[in-house]
């Protein structure tokens, strides 16, 4: 279950980053973190703190609640029957 939440947050961070027309490096620069951190976050490999999510929201100029919007996330590869 926690993996699902991390994946949902990561999918939404990526969706919002792309909507803002930012690269991972540009988002990382705005947040003051390494690009690898943003990559791990988007892949659901990070377990971000509330403070980290706040920094992402500030960098993307979106409300934090947008990271938890299940209706906007892309279907996972496993849900599509792909491995």
PDB file of N, CA and C in Angstrom:
ATOM      1  N   UNK A   1       0.821  -1.204   0.000  1.00  0.00           N
ATOM      2  CA  UNK A   1       0.000   0.000   0.000  1.00  0.00           C
ATOM      3  C   UNK A   1       0.861   1.263   0.000  1.00  0.00           C
ATOM      4  N   UNK A   2       1.914   1.274   0.812  1.00  0.00           N
ATOM      5  CA  UNK A   2       2.767   2.475   0.837  1.00  0.00           C
ATOM      6  C   UNK A   2       3.440   2.686  -0.513  1.00  0.00           C
ATOM      7  N   UNK A   3       3.747   1.584  -1.223  1.00  0.00           N
ATOM      8  CA  UNK A   3       4.315   1.716  -2.564  1.00  0.00           C
ATOM      9  C   UNK A   3       3.326   2.391  -3.494  1.00  0.00           C
ATOM     10  N   UNK A   4       2.041   2.069  -3.338  1.00  0.00           N
ATOM     11  CA  UNK A   4       1.008   2.680  -4.176  1.00  0.00           C
ATOM     12  C   UNK A   4       0.933   4.188  -3.949  1.00  0.00           C
ATOM     13  N   UNK A   5       1.057   4.616  -2.707  1.00  0.00           N
ATOM     14  CA  UNK A   5       1.002   6.048  -2.389  1.00  0.00           C
ATOM     15  C   UNK A   5       2.224   6.754  -2.969  1.00  0.00           C
ATOM     16  N   UNK A   6       3.381   6.151  -2.801  1.00  0.00           N
ATOM     17  CA  UNK A   6       4.601   6.757  -3.368  1.00  0.00           C
ATOM     18  C   UNK A   6       4.497   6.840  -4.888  1.00  0.00           C
ATOM     19  N   UNK A   7       3.945   5.799  -5.512  1.00  0.00           N
ATOM     20  CA  UNK A   7       3.780   5.791  -6.973  1.00  0.00           C
ATOM     21  C   UNK A   7       2.789   6.867  -7.403  1.00  0.00           C
ATOM     22  N   UNK A   8       1.677   7.002  -6.662  1.00  0.00           N
ATOM     23  CA  UNK A   8       0.679   8.017  -6.983  1.00  0.00           C
ATOM     24  C   UNK A   8       1.289   9.419  -6.884  1.00  0.00           C
ATOM     25  N   UNK A   9       2.012   9.677  -5.816  1.00  0.00           N
ATOM     26  CA  UNK A   9       2.656  10.981  -5.647  1.00  0.00           C
ATOM     27  C   UNK A   9       3.655  11.211  -6.773  1.00  0.00           C
ATOM     28  N   UNK A  10       4.466  10.213  -7.066  1.00  0.00           N
ATOM     29  CA  UNK A  10       5.454  10.343  -8.130  1.00  0.00           C
ATOM     30  C   UNK A  10       4.827  10.608  -9.486  1.00  0.00           C
ATOM     31  N   UNK A  11       3.758   9.883  -9.796  1.00  0.00           N
ATOM     32  CA  UNK A  11       3.057  10.105 -11.073  1.00  0.00           C
ATOM     33  C   UNK A  11       2.531  11.529 -11.161  1.00  0.00           C
ATOM     34  N   UNK A  12       1.973  12.009 -10.071  1.00  0.00           N
ATOM     35  CA  UNK A  12       1.410  13.368 -10.073  1.00  0.00           C
ATOM     36  C   UNK A  12       2.492  14.443 -10.105  1.00  0.00           C
ATOM     37  N   UNK A  13       3.599  14.216  -9.430  1.00  0.00           N
ATOM     38  CA  UNK A  13       4.711  15.174  -9.508  1.00  0.00           C
ATOM     39  C   UNK A  13       5.182  15.263 -10.958  1.00  0.00           C
ATOM     40  N   UNK A  14       5.355  14.125 -11.602  1.00  0.00           N
ATOM     41  CA  UNK A  14       5.811  14.123 -12.994  1.00  0.00           C
ATOM     42  C   UNK A  14       4.796  14.822 -13.902  1.00  0.00           C
ATOM     43  N   UNK A  15       3.518  14.511 -13.731  1.00  0.00           N
ATOM     44  CA  UNK A  15       2.467  15.127 -14.547  1.00  0.00           C
ATOM     45  C   UNK A  15       2.490  16.651 -14.383  1.00  0.00           C
ATOM     46  N   UNK A  16       2.602  17.109 -13.155  1.00  0.00           N
ATOM     47  CA  UNK A  16       2.608  18.550 -12.892  1.00  0.00           C
ATOM     48  C   UNK A  16       3.898  19.211 -13.377  1.00  0.00           C
ATOM     49  N   UNK A  17       5.010  18.505 -13.264  1.00  0.00           N
ATOM     50  CA  UNK A  17       6.282  19.040 -13.764  1.00  0.00           C
ATOM     51  C   UNK A  17       6.230  19.211 -15.278  1.00  0.00           C
ATOM     52  N   UNK A  18       5.708  18.201 -15.960  1.00  0.00           N
ATOM     53  CA  UNK A  18       5.598  18.287 -17.416  1.00  0.00           C
ATOM     54  C   UNK A  18       4.612  19.379 -17.832  1.00  0.00           C
ATOM     55  N   UNK A  19       3.524  19.526 -17.086  1.00  0.00           N
ATOM     56  CA  UNK A  19       2.550  20.586 -17.385  1.00  0.00           C
ATOM     57  C   UNK A  19       3.193  21.969 -17.223  1.00  0.00           C
ATOM     58  N   UNK A  20       4.144  22.071 -16.293  1.00  0.00           N
ATOM     59  CA  UNK A  20       4.859  23.335 -16.072  1.00  0.00           C
ATOM     60  C   UNK A  20       6.012  23.498 -17.061  1.00  0.00           C
ATOM     61  N   UNK A  21       6.193  22.503 -17.928  1.00  0.00           N
ATOM     62  CA  UNK A  21       7.259  22.515 -18.932  1.00  0.00           C
ATOM     63  C   UNK A  21       8.642  22.664 -18.309  1.00  0.00           C
ATOM     64  N   UNK A  22       8.858  21.892 -17.241  1.00  0.00           N
ATOM     65  CA  UNK A  22      10.150  21.890 -16.555  1.00  0.00           C
ATOM     66  C   UNK A  22      10.820  20.536 -16.729  1.00  0.00           C
ATOM     67  N   UNK A  23      12.128  20.544 -16.844  1.00  0.00           N
ATOM     68  CA  UNK A  23      12.888  19.301 -16.825  1.00  0.00           C
ATOM     69  C   UNK A  23      13.067  18.879 -15.365  1.00  0.00           C
ATOM     70  N   UNK A  24      13.511  17.655 -15.178  1.00  0.00           N
ATOM     71  CA  UNK A  24      13.817  17.220 -13.810  1.00  0.00           C
ATOM     72  C   UNK A  24      14.913  18.101 -13.213  1.00  0.00           C
ATOM     73  N   UNK A  25      15.883  18.459 -14.024  1.00  0.00           N
ATOM     74  CA  UNK A  25      16.983  19.302 -13.533  1.00  0.00           C
ATOM     75  C   UNK A  25      16.481  20.680 -13.116  1.00  0.00           C
ATOM     76  N   UNK A  26      15.551  21.243 -13.888  1.00  0.00           N
ATOM     77  CA  UNK A  26      15.009  22.560 -13.553  1.00  0.00           C
ATOM     78  C   UNK A  26      14.195  22.505 -12.256  1.00  0.00           C
ATOM     79  N   UNK A  27      13.400  21.449 -12.099  1.00  0.00           N
ATOM     80  CA  UNK A  27      12.634  21.310 -10.856  1.00  0.00           C
ATOM     81  C   UNK A  27      13.591  21.121  -9.682  1.00  0.00           C
ATOM     82  N   UNK A  28      14.590  20.285  -9.865  1.00  0.00           N
ATOM     83  CA  UNK A  28      15.572  20.051  -8.801  1.00  0.00           C
ATOM     84  C   UNK A  28      16.261  21.352  -8.404  1.00  0.00           C
ATOM     85  N   UNK A  29      16.611  22.159  -9.383  1.00  0.00           N
ATOM     86  CA  UNK A  29      17.259  23.446  -9.107  1.00  0.00           C
ATOM     87  C   UNK A  29      16.338  24.347  -8.286  1.00  0.00           C
ATOM     88  N   UNK A  30      15.064  24.390  -8.649  1.00  0.00           N
ATOM     89  CA  UNK A  30      14.107  25.215  -7.892  1.00  0.00           C
ATOM     90  C   UNK A  30      13.954  24.726  -6.459  1.00  0.00           C
ATOM     91  N   UNK A  31      14.076  23.410  -6.274  1.00  0.00           N
ATOM     92  CA  UNK A  31      13.909  22.817  -4.943  1.00  0.00           C
ATOM     93  C   UNK A  31      15.198  22.840  -4.129  1.00  0.00           C
ATOM     94  N   UNK A  32      16.332  23.004  -4.806  1.00  0.00           N
ATOM     95  CA  UNK A  32      17.616  22.943  -4.112  1.00  0.00           C
ATOM     96  C   UNK A  32      18.062  21.529  -3.816  1.00  0.00           C
ATOM     97  N   UNK A  33      17.688  20.594  -4.699  1.00  0.00           N
ATOM     98  CA  UNK A  33      18.077  19.190  -4.535  1.00  0.00           C
ATOM     99  C   UNK A  33      18.739  18.713  -5.824  1.00  0.00           C
ATOM    100  N   UNK A  34      19.245  17.503  -5.795  1.00  0.00           N
ATOM    101  CA  UNK A  34      19.860  16.885  -6.960  1.00  0.00           C
ATOM    102  C   UNK A  34      18.780  16.347  -7.903  1.00  0.00           C
ATOM    103  N   UNK A  35      19.073  16.304  -9.192  1.00  0.00           N
ATOM    104  CA  UNK A  35      18.121  15.788 -10.171  1.00  0.00           C
ATOM    105  C   UNK A  35      17.754  14.338  -9.865  1.00  0.00           C
ATOM    106  N   UNK A  36      18.686  13.573  -9.332  1.00  0.00           N
ATOM    107  CA  UNK A  36      18.422  12.174  -8.985  1.00  0.00           C
ATOM    108  C   UNK A  36      17.312  12.064  -7.937  1.00  0.00           C
ATOM    109  N   UNK A  37      17.211  13.054  -7.049  1.00  0.00           N
ATOM    110  CA  UNK A  37      16.132  13.045  -6.063  1.00  0.00           C
ATOM    111  C   UNK A  37      14.783  13.157  -6.762  1.00  0.00           C
ATOM    112  N   UNK A  38      14.669  14.073  -7.715  1.00  0.00           N
ATOM    113  CA  UNK A  38      13.413  14.254  -8.451  1.00  0.00           C
ATOM    114  C   UNK A  38      13.079  12.977  -9.226  1.00  0.00           C
ATOM    115  N   UNK A  39      14.078  12.383  -9.847  1.00  0.00           N
ATOM    116  CA  UNK A  39      13.870  11.140 -10.585  1.00  0.00           C
ATOM    117  C   UNK A  39      13.336  10.049  -9.663  1.00  0.00           C
ATOM    118  N   UNK A  40      13.963   9.867  -8.524  1.00  0.00           N
ATOM    119  CA  UNK A  40      13.516   8.857  -7.561  1.00  0.00           C
ATOM    120  C   UNK A  40      12.120   9.134  -7.042  1.00  0.00           C
ATOM    121  N   UNK A  41      11.805  10.390  -6.834  1.00  0.00           N
ATOM    122  CA  UNK A  41      10.472  10.779  -6.379  1.00  0.00           C
ATOM    123  C   UNK A  41       9.435  10.409  -7.427  1.00  0.00           C
ATOM    124  N   UNK A  42       9.706  10.761  -8.684  1.00  0.00           N
ATOM    125  CA  UNK A  42       8.767  10.479  -9.764  1.00  0.00           C
ATOM    126  C   UNK A  42       8.593   8.985 -10.009  1.00  0.00           C
ATOM    127  N   UNK A  43       9.603   8.201  -9.712  1.00  0.00           N
ATOM    128  CA  UNK A  43       9.529   6.759  -9.913  1.00  0.00           C
ATOM    129  C   UNK A  43       8.926   6.025  -8.710  1.00  0.00           C
ATOM    130  N   UNK A  44       8.575   6.773  -7.677  1.00  0.00           N
ATOM    131  CA  UNK A  44       7.992   6.155  -6.488  1.00  0.00           C
ATOM    132  C   UNK A  44       9.009   5.458  -5.617  1.00  0.00           C
ATOM    133  N   UNK A  45      10.278   5.781  -5.787  1.00  0.00           N
ATOM    134  CA  UNK A  45      11.341   5.156  -5.014  1.00  0.00           C
ATOM    135  C   UNK A  45      11.690   5.944  -3.760  1.00  0.00           C
ATOM    136  N   UNK A  46      11.180   7.133  -3.638  1.00  0.00           N
ATOM    137  CA  UNK A  46      11.443   7.986  -2.471  1.00  0.00           C
ATOM    138  C   UNK A  46      10.225   7.988  -1.558  1.00  0.00           C
ATOM    139  N   UNK A  47      10.471   8.193  -0.293  1.00  0.00           N
ATOM    140  CA  UNK A  47       9.411   8.339   0.688  1.00  0.00           C
ATOM    141  C   UNK A  47       9.523   9.776   1.215  1.00  0.00           C
ATOM    142  N   UNK A  48       8.959  10.746   0.466  1.00  0.00           N
ATOM    143  CA  UNK A  48       9.190  12.156   0.804  1.00  0.00           C
ATOM    144  C   UNK A  48       8.513  12.572   2.106  1.00  0.00           C
ATOM    145  N   UNK A  49       9.162  13.486   2.796  1.00  0.00           N
ATOM    146  CA  UNK A  49       8.574  14.068   3.997  1.00  0.00           C
ATOM    147  C   UNK A  49       7.556  15.133   3.586  1.00  0.00           C
ATOM    148  N   UNK A  50       6.780  15.579   4.527  1.00  0.00           N
ATOM    149  CA  UNK A  50       5.834  16.668   4.273  1.00  0.00           C
ATOM    150  C   UNK A  50       6.596  17.918   3.837  1.00  0.00           C
ATOM    151  N   UNK A  51       7.733  18.158   4.437  1.00  0.00           N
ATOM    152  CA  UNK A  51       8.552  19.327   4.078  1.00  0.00           C
ATOM    153  C   UNK A  51       9.020  19.212   2.629  1.00  0.00           C
ATOM    154  N   UNK A  52       9.472  18.024   2.229  1.00  0.00           N
ATOM    155  CA  UNK A  52       9.900  17.828   0.841  1.00  0.00           C
ATOM    156  C   UNK A  52       8.749  18.064  -0.129  1.00  0.00           C
ATOM    157  N   UNK A  53       7.573  17.546   0.203  1.00  0.00           N
ATOM    158  CA  UNK A  53       6.406  17.761  -0.657  1.00  0.00           C
ATOM    159  C   UNK A  53       6.041  19.238  -0.722  1.00  0.00           C
ATOM    160  N   UNK A  54       6.201  19.939   0.390  1.00  0.00           N
ATOM    161  CA  UNK A  54       5.934  21.373   0.398  1.00  0.00           C
ATOM    162  C   UNK A  54       6.895  22.083  -0.551  1.00  0.00           C
ATOM    163  N   UNK A  55       8.171  21.685  -0.542  1.00  0.00           N
ATOM    164  CA  UNK A  55       9.156  22.293  -1.445  1.00  0.00           C
ATOM    165  C   UNK A  55       8.809  22.009  -2.908  1.00  0.00           C
ATOM    166  N   UNK A  56       8.364  20.799  -3.205  1.00  0.00           N
ATOM    167  CA  UNK A  56       7.961  20.468  -4.575  1.00  0.00           C
ATOM    168  C   UNK A  56       6.774  21.338  -4.981  1.00  0.00           C
ATOM    169  N   UNK A  57       5.788  21.443  -4.088  1.00  0.00           N
ATOM    170  CA  UNK A  57       4.587  22.246  -4.380  1.00  0.00           C
ATOM    171  C   UNK A  57       4.957  23.707  -4.622  1.00  0.00           C
ATOM    172  N   UNK A  58       5.851  24.239  -3.814  1.00  0.00           N
ATOM    173  CA  UNK A  58       6.287  25.622  -4.000  1.00  0.00           C
ATOM    174  C   UNK A  58       7.009  25.794  -5.334  1.00  0.00           C
ATOM    175  N   UNK A  59       7.860  24.834  -5.669  1.00  0.00           N
ATOM    176  CA  UNK A  59       8.625  24.909  -6.915  1.00  0.00           C
ATOM    177  C   UNK A  59       7.718  24.815  -8.144  1.00  0.00           C
ATOM    178  N   UNK A  60       6.647  24.023  -8.029  1.00  0.00           N
ATOM    179  CA  UNK A  60       5.715  23.862  -9.155  1.00  0.00           C
ATOM    180  C   UNK A  60       4.550  24.850  -9.110  1.00  0.00           C
ATOM    181  N   UNK A  61       4.472  25.591  -8.002  1.00  0.00           N
ATOM    182  CA  UNK A  61       3.380  26.552  -7.792  1.00  0.00           C
ATOM    183  C   UNK A  61       2.014  25.884  -7.883  1.00  0.00           C
ATOM    184  N   UNK A  62       1.876  24.776  -7.139  1.00  0.00           N
ATOM    185  CA  UNK A  62       0.615  24.034  -7.069  1.00  0.00           C
ATOM    186  C   UNK A  62       0.311  23.736  -5.603  1.00  0.00           C
ATOM    187  N   UNK A  63      -0.953  23.477  -5.287  1.00  0.00           N
ATOM    188  CA  UNK A  63      -1.269  23.059  -3.914  1.00  0.00           C
ATOM    189  C   UNK A  63      -0.775  21.631  -3.668  1.00  0.00           C
ATOM    190  N   UNK A  64      -0.341  21.365  -2.473  1.00  0.00           N
ATOM    191  CA  UNK A  64       0.186  20.049  -2.108  1.00  0.00           C
ATOM    192  C   UNK A  64      -0.844  18.945  -2.359  1.00  0.00           C
ATOM    193  N   UNK A  65      -2.101  19.249  -2.222  1.00  0.00           N
ATOM    194  CA  UNK A  65      -3.147  18.225  -2.402  1.00  0.00           C
ATOM    195  C   UNK A  65      -3.135  17.642  -3.813  1.00  0.00           C
ATOM    196  N   UNK A  66      -2.590  18.374  -4.780  1.00  0.00           N
ATOM    197  CA  UNK A  66      -2.543  17.871  -6.153  1.00  0.00           C
ATOM    198  C   UNK A  66      -1.688  16.614  -6.286  1.00  0.00           C
ATOM    199  N   UNK A  67      -0.777  16.387  -5.361  1.00  0.00           N
ATOM    200  CA  UNK A  67       0.055  15.183  -5.410  1.00  0.00           C
ATOM    201  C   UNK A  67      -0.721  13.930  -5.028  1.00  0.00           C
ATOM    202  N   UNK A  68      -1.885  14.111  -4.411  1.00  0.00           N
ATOM    203  CA  UNK A  68      -2.680  12.984  -3.936  1.00  0.00           C
ATOM    204  C   UNK A  68      -3.958  12.788  -4.742  1.00  0.00           C
ATOM    205  N   UNK A  69      -4.011  13.357  -5.928  1.00  0.00           N
ATOM    206  CA  UNK A  69      -5.188  13.268  -6.793  1.00  0.00           C
ATOM    207  C   UNK A  69      -5.127  11.975  -7.600  1.00  0.00           C
ATOM    208  N   UNK A  70      -5.878  10.970  -7.151  1.00  0.00           N
ATOM    209  CA  UNK A  70      -5.873   9.674  -7.824  1.00  0.00           C
ATOM    210  C   UNK A  70      -6.532   9.724  -9.199  1.00  0.00           C
ATOM    211  N   UNK A  71      -7.414  10.664  -9.424  1.00  0.00           N
ATOM    212  CA  UNK A  71      -8.142  10.717 -10.692  1.00  0.00           C
ATOM    213  C   UNK A  71      -7.281  11.198 -11.847  1.00  0.00           C
ATOM    214  N   UNK A  72      -6.173  11.861 -11.561  1.00  0.00           N
ATOM    215  CA  UNK A  72      -5.336  12.440 -12.611  1.00  0.00           C
ATOM    216  C   UNK A  72      -4.123  11.591 -12.961  1.00  0.00           C
ATOM    217  N   UNK A  73      -3.847  10.573 -12.161  1.00  0.00           N
ATOM    218  CA  UNK A  73      -2.622   9.821 -12.406  1.00  0.00           C
ATOM    219  C   UNK A  73      -2.772   8.900 -13.602  1.00  0.00           C
ATOM    220  N   UNK A  74      -1.660   8.626 -14.226  1.00  0.00           N
ATOM    221  CA  UNK A  74      -1.628   7.717 -15.362  1.00  0.00           C
ATOM    222  C   UNK A  74      -1.719   6.290 -14.858  1.00  0.00           C
ATOM    223  N   UNK A  75      -2.350   5.399 -15.626  1.00  0.00           N
ATOM    224  CA  UNK A  75      -2.374   3.988 -15.205  1.00  0.00           C
ATOM    225  C   UNK A  75      -0.961   3.425 -15.164  1.00  0.00           C
ATOM    226  N   UNK A  76      -0.712   2.584 -14.188  1.00  0.00           N
ATOM    227  CA  UNK A  76       0.606   1.975 -14.084  1.00  0.00           C
ATOM    228  C   UNK A  76       0.769   0.940 -15.183  1.00  0.00           C
ATOM    229  N   UNK A  77       2.016   0.584 -15.464  1.00  0.00           N
ATOM    230  CA  UNK A  77       2.296  -0.414 -16.499  1.00  0.00           C
ATOM    231  C   UNK A  77       1.663  -1.744 -16.115  1.00  0.00           C
ATOM    232  N   UNK A  78       1.685  -2.107 -14.835  1.00  0.00           N
ATOM    233  CA  UNK A  78       1.120  -3.395 -14.413  1.00  0.00           C
ATOM    234  C   UNK A  78      -0.393  -3.401 -14.591  1.00  0.00           C
ATOM    235  N   UNK A  79      -1.043  -2.246 -14.421  1.00  0.00           N
ATOM    236  CA  UNK A  79      -2.492  -2.171 -14.604  1.00  0.00           C
ATOM    237  C   UNK A  79      -2.872  -2.335 -16.068  1.00  0.00           C
ATOM    238  N   UNK A  80      -1.923  -2.052 -16.951  1.00  0.00           N
ATOM    239  CA  UNK A  80      -2.173  -2.178 -18.384  1.00  0.00           C
ATOM    240  C   UNK A  80      -1.808  -3.575 -18.896  1.00  0.00           C
ATOM    241  N   UNK A  81      -1.351  -4.443 -17.980  1.00  0.00           N
ATOM    242  CA  UNK A  81      -0.978  -5.784 -18.365  1.00  0.00           C
ATOM    243  C   UNK A  81       0.407  -5.890 -18.968  1.00  0.00           C
ATOM    244  N   UNK A  82       1.225  -4.872 -18.756  1.00  0.00           N
ATOM    245  CA  UNK A  82       2.604  -4.876 -19.264  1.00  0.00           C
ATOM    246  C   UNK A  82       3.555  -5.080 -18.112  1.00  0.00           C
ATOM    247  N   UNK A  83       4.724  -5.610 -18.402  1.00  0.00           N
ATOM    248  CA  UNK A  83       5.713  -5.788 -17.345  1.00  0.00           C
ATOM    249  C   UNK A  83       6.862  -4.853 -17.493  1.00  0.00           C
TER     250      UNK A  83
END
